[in-house]
Structures are given as C-alpha cells and as structure tokens.
Protein backbone atom coordinates (compact mmCIF):
# COMPACT_ATOMS: atom_id res chain seq x y z
CA MET A 1 143.89 100.43 111.66
CA LYS A 2 140.35 99.80 110.50
CA ASN A 3 139.07 99.93 114.07
CA LYS A 4 140.67 103.35 114.72
CA HIS A 5 139.09 104.67 111.53
CA GLN A 6 135.62 103.52 112.63
CA VAL A 7 136.07 105.09 116.09
CA PHE A 8 137.22 108.37 114.54
CA SER A 9 134.32 108.31 112.07
CA LYS A 10 131.73 107.67 114.78
CA ALA A 11 133.26 110.32 117.06
CA SER A 12 133.24 112.94 114.29
CA CYS A 13 129.59 112.11 113.42
CA PHE A 14 128.68 112.42 117.10
CA LEU A 15 130.47 115.77 117.35
CA ILE A 16 128.77 117.14 114.20
CA GLY A 17 125.38 115.90 115.42
CA PHE A 18 125.91 117.50 118.83
CA ILE A 19 126.84 120.84 117.23
CA ALA A 20 123.73 120.67 115.02
CA LEU A 21 121.61 119.92 118.09
CA ILE A 22 122.98 122.95 119.95
CA MET A 23 122.39 125.21 116.93
CA GLY A 24 118.83 123.88 116.53
CA ALA A 25 118.07 124.44 120.20
CA ALA A 26 119.36 128.01 119.92
CA VAL A 27 116.87 128.99 117.17
CA PRO A 28 114.23 130.32 119.62
CA ILE A 29 116.96 132.44 121.20
CA PHE A 30 117.73 133.94 117.80
CA PHE A 31 114.07 134.86 117.27
CA LYS A 32 113.96 136.56 120.67
CA SER A 33 116.91 138.70 119.65
CA ILE A 34 115.03 140.11 116.62
CA ASP A 35 113.28 143.38 117.29
CA THR A 36 109.46 143.24 117.32
CA ASP A 37 109.30 146.04 114.72
CA VAL A 38 111.28 143.88 112.28
CA LEU A 39 108.89 140.94 112.82
CA THR A 40 105.90 143.25 112.36
CA LEU A 41 107.31 144.57 109.08
CA ALA A 42 108.05 141.01 107.91
CA GLY A 43 104.44 139.94 108.41
CA GLU A 44 102.85 143.17 107.26
CA ASP A 45 101.67 142.04 103.82
CA THR A 46 100.55 138.56 104.90
CA MET A 47 96.91 137.60 105.41
CA THR A 48 95.37 137.59 108.84
CA LEU A 49 93.63 134.42 109.98
CA SER A 50 90.18 135.88 109.43
CA ARG A 51 91.11 137.00 105.89
CA LEU A 52 92.57 133.57 105.16
CA GLN A 53 89.41 131.95 106.50
CA ASP A 54 87.26 134.20 104.30
CA GLU A 55 89.44 133.27 101.31
CA PHE A 56 88.88 129.57 101.96
CA LEU A 57 85.14 130.11 102.34
CA ASN A 58 85.06 132.05 99.05
CA GLN A 59 86.63 128.99 97.40
CA GLY A 60 84.10 126.70 99.12
CA LYS A 61 86.76 124.97 101.22
CA ILE A 62 85.02 124.46 104.52
CA GLY A 63 87.52 121.98 105.98
CA PRO A 64 90.58 124.26 105.82
CA SER A 65 88.59 127.24 107.08
CA GLN A 66 87.48 125.22 110.11
CA LEU A 67 91.04 124.13 110.78
CA ILE A 68 92.24 127.73 110.98
CA THR A 69 89.94 128.69 113.81
CA ASP A 70 88.70 126.58 116.68
CA GLU A 71 85.00 127.06 115.96
CA ASP A 72 85.49 130.79 116.44
CA PHE A 73 83.24 131.66 113.52
CA SER A 74 81.26 134.84 113.34
CA THR A 75 77.55 134.53 112.62
CA GLU A 76 78.14 135.64 109.03
CA GLN A 77 80.82 133.00 108.46
CA HIS A 78 78.65 130.32 110.07
CA GLN A 79 75.78 131.30 107.77
CA ARG A 80 78.10 131.10 104.75
CA ILE A 81 79.15 127.58 105.79
CA LEU A 82 75.52 126.50 106.13
CA THR A 83 74.74 127.96 102.70
CA ILE A 84 77.66 126.07 101.12
CA LEU A 85 76.57 122.83 102.82
CA ASP A 86 72.97 123.31 101.67
CA ASP A 87 74.08 123.91 98.09
CA ASN A 88 76.61 121.03 98.08
CA PRO A 89 75.78 118.29 100.59
CA MET A 90 78.83 116.26 99.52
CA VAL A 91 81.10 118.97 100.94
CA THR A 92 80.19 117.66 104.40
CA ILE A 93 82.17 114.52 103.57
CA SER A 94 84.90 115.93 101.32
CA GLY A 95 85.54 119.20 103.18
CA GLY A 96 85.66 121.24 100.00
CA PRO A 97 85.21 121.10 96.26
CA SER A 98 86.55 117.79 95.00
CA PRO A 99 84.93 116.85 91.67
CA TYR A 100 86.39 113.34 91.39
CA PHE A 101 85.60 112.40 94.98
CA GLU A 102 82.09 113.85 94.70
CA ARG A 103 81.55 111.86 91.49
CA PHE A 104 82.60 108.75 93.37
CA LEU A 105 80.27 109.59 96.27
CA ASN A 106 77.36 110.19 93.91
CA GLN A 107 77.87 106.74 92.43
CA THR A 108 77.95 105.06 95.84
CA ASN A 109 74.25 105.91 96.34
CA LEU A 110 74.61 107.41 99.82
CA SER A 111 70.86 107.89 100.16
CA ASN A 112 70.43 104.09 100.35
CA PRO A 113 73.69 102.55 101.61
CA SER A 114 72.29 99.02 101.82
CA ALA A 115 71.62 98.87 98.06
CA PRO A 116 74.78 98.19 96.04
CA SER A 117 75.42 100.52 93.18
CA GLU A 118 76.27 98.89 89.86
CA ASN A 119 77.70 102.15 88.54
CA LEU A 120 80.33 102.06 91.26
CA LEU A 121 82.01 99.04 89.70
CA HIS A 122 82.29 100.88 86.38
CA PHE A 123 83.85 103.81 88.16
CA LEU A 124 86.44 101.76 90.05
CA ILE A 125 87.59 99.42 87.26
CA ARG A 126 89.16 100.87 84.14
CA PRO A 127 87.46 99.97 80.82
CA LYS A 128 90.41 97.87 79.61
CA ASN A 129 90.45 95.86 82.85
CA ARG A 130 86.64 95.61 82.81
CA LYS A 131 86.79 94.01 79.38
CA ALA A 132 89.44 91.50 80.52
CA LEU A 133 87.44 90.71 83.65
CA HIS A 134 84.28 90.23 81.61
CA LEU A 135 86.07 87.83 79.24
CA TYR A 136 87.52 85.92 82.20
CA LEU A 137 84.17 85.55 83.91
CA GLN A 138 82.40 84.23 80.78
C-alpha cells in the first residue's frame, strides 16, 4: 500500500511539474499575442535608458550608468563621468557614492600600499573587542 502511494505521489508531482513547464515555455507566445500598441502604452511613462543613465550620473553612480549602456556614452556623459572621477577618486573603486566603503579605503592608505595603516585596525575591530584584545595581549 505504501509503495502505491509513493508511485502515485511521484507521478502526480511529475505531472504538475510538466504542466508548469509547458505553461512557462508558452509565456513568450503570450507576449507575442499582445498588440504592440498595448505594450507601447504600458511602457509610456517609464524612463528611457538614456534618461535612466542621466539619473544615475546625477546621483554620482558611475557603475550602474556604465552597466546600462555598453560604453555608448555621449561626449557630454563621458565628460560628466570624468568630472565625477576627478572630484571623487574613490568612486573608481566603489562605482558610486559609498561613505562607509570610502572611509575604509581612506584608512587603507592607497597612496602607499606597502605601508600598513594603523588606523585600519581601529576601523575593523569594534572598540569593545579592541579592549578585550588589548587586555589579552598584555
């Protein structure tokens, strides 16, 4: 009896999975059946890629703006990127404004990577743990 129940359970799961697979494969067919005017109206109030890229550049997010377009920047957008990078050199690494990550990068002393930064240890270890570590090492 138990064996028949397992076979029935597996067969019903297989059947449900197969039906879900057929419905998932039919999704592109459903989109083809929608009129192009309906799709145009649905996307009418959304941002174009160039407007979205400008929005990211206004926020100083160079990484996402570069992901949107495959280096298809206009001269104006390229100049804006260079201006942002000149004003904030850490954006080259972080890809956009990231105060905590930039604070970490400033403490790593990127100008001289061979010299260890003592401030970095204070940044990475919480004060409570620093005190316990200091007591342990004494």
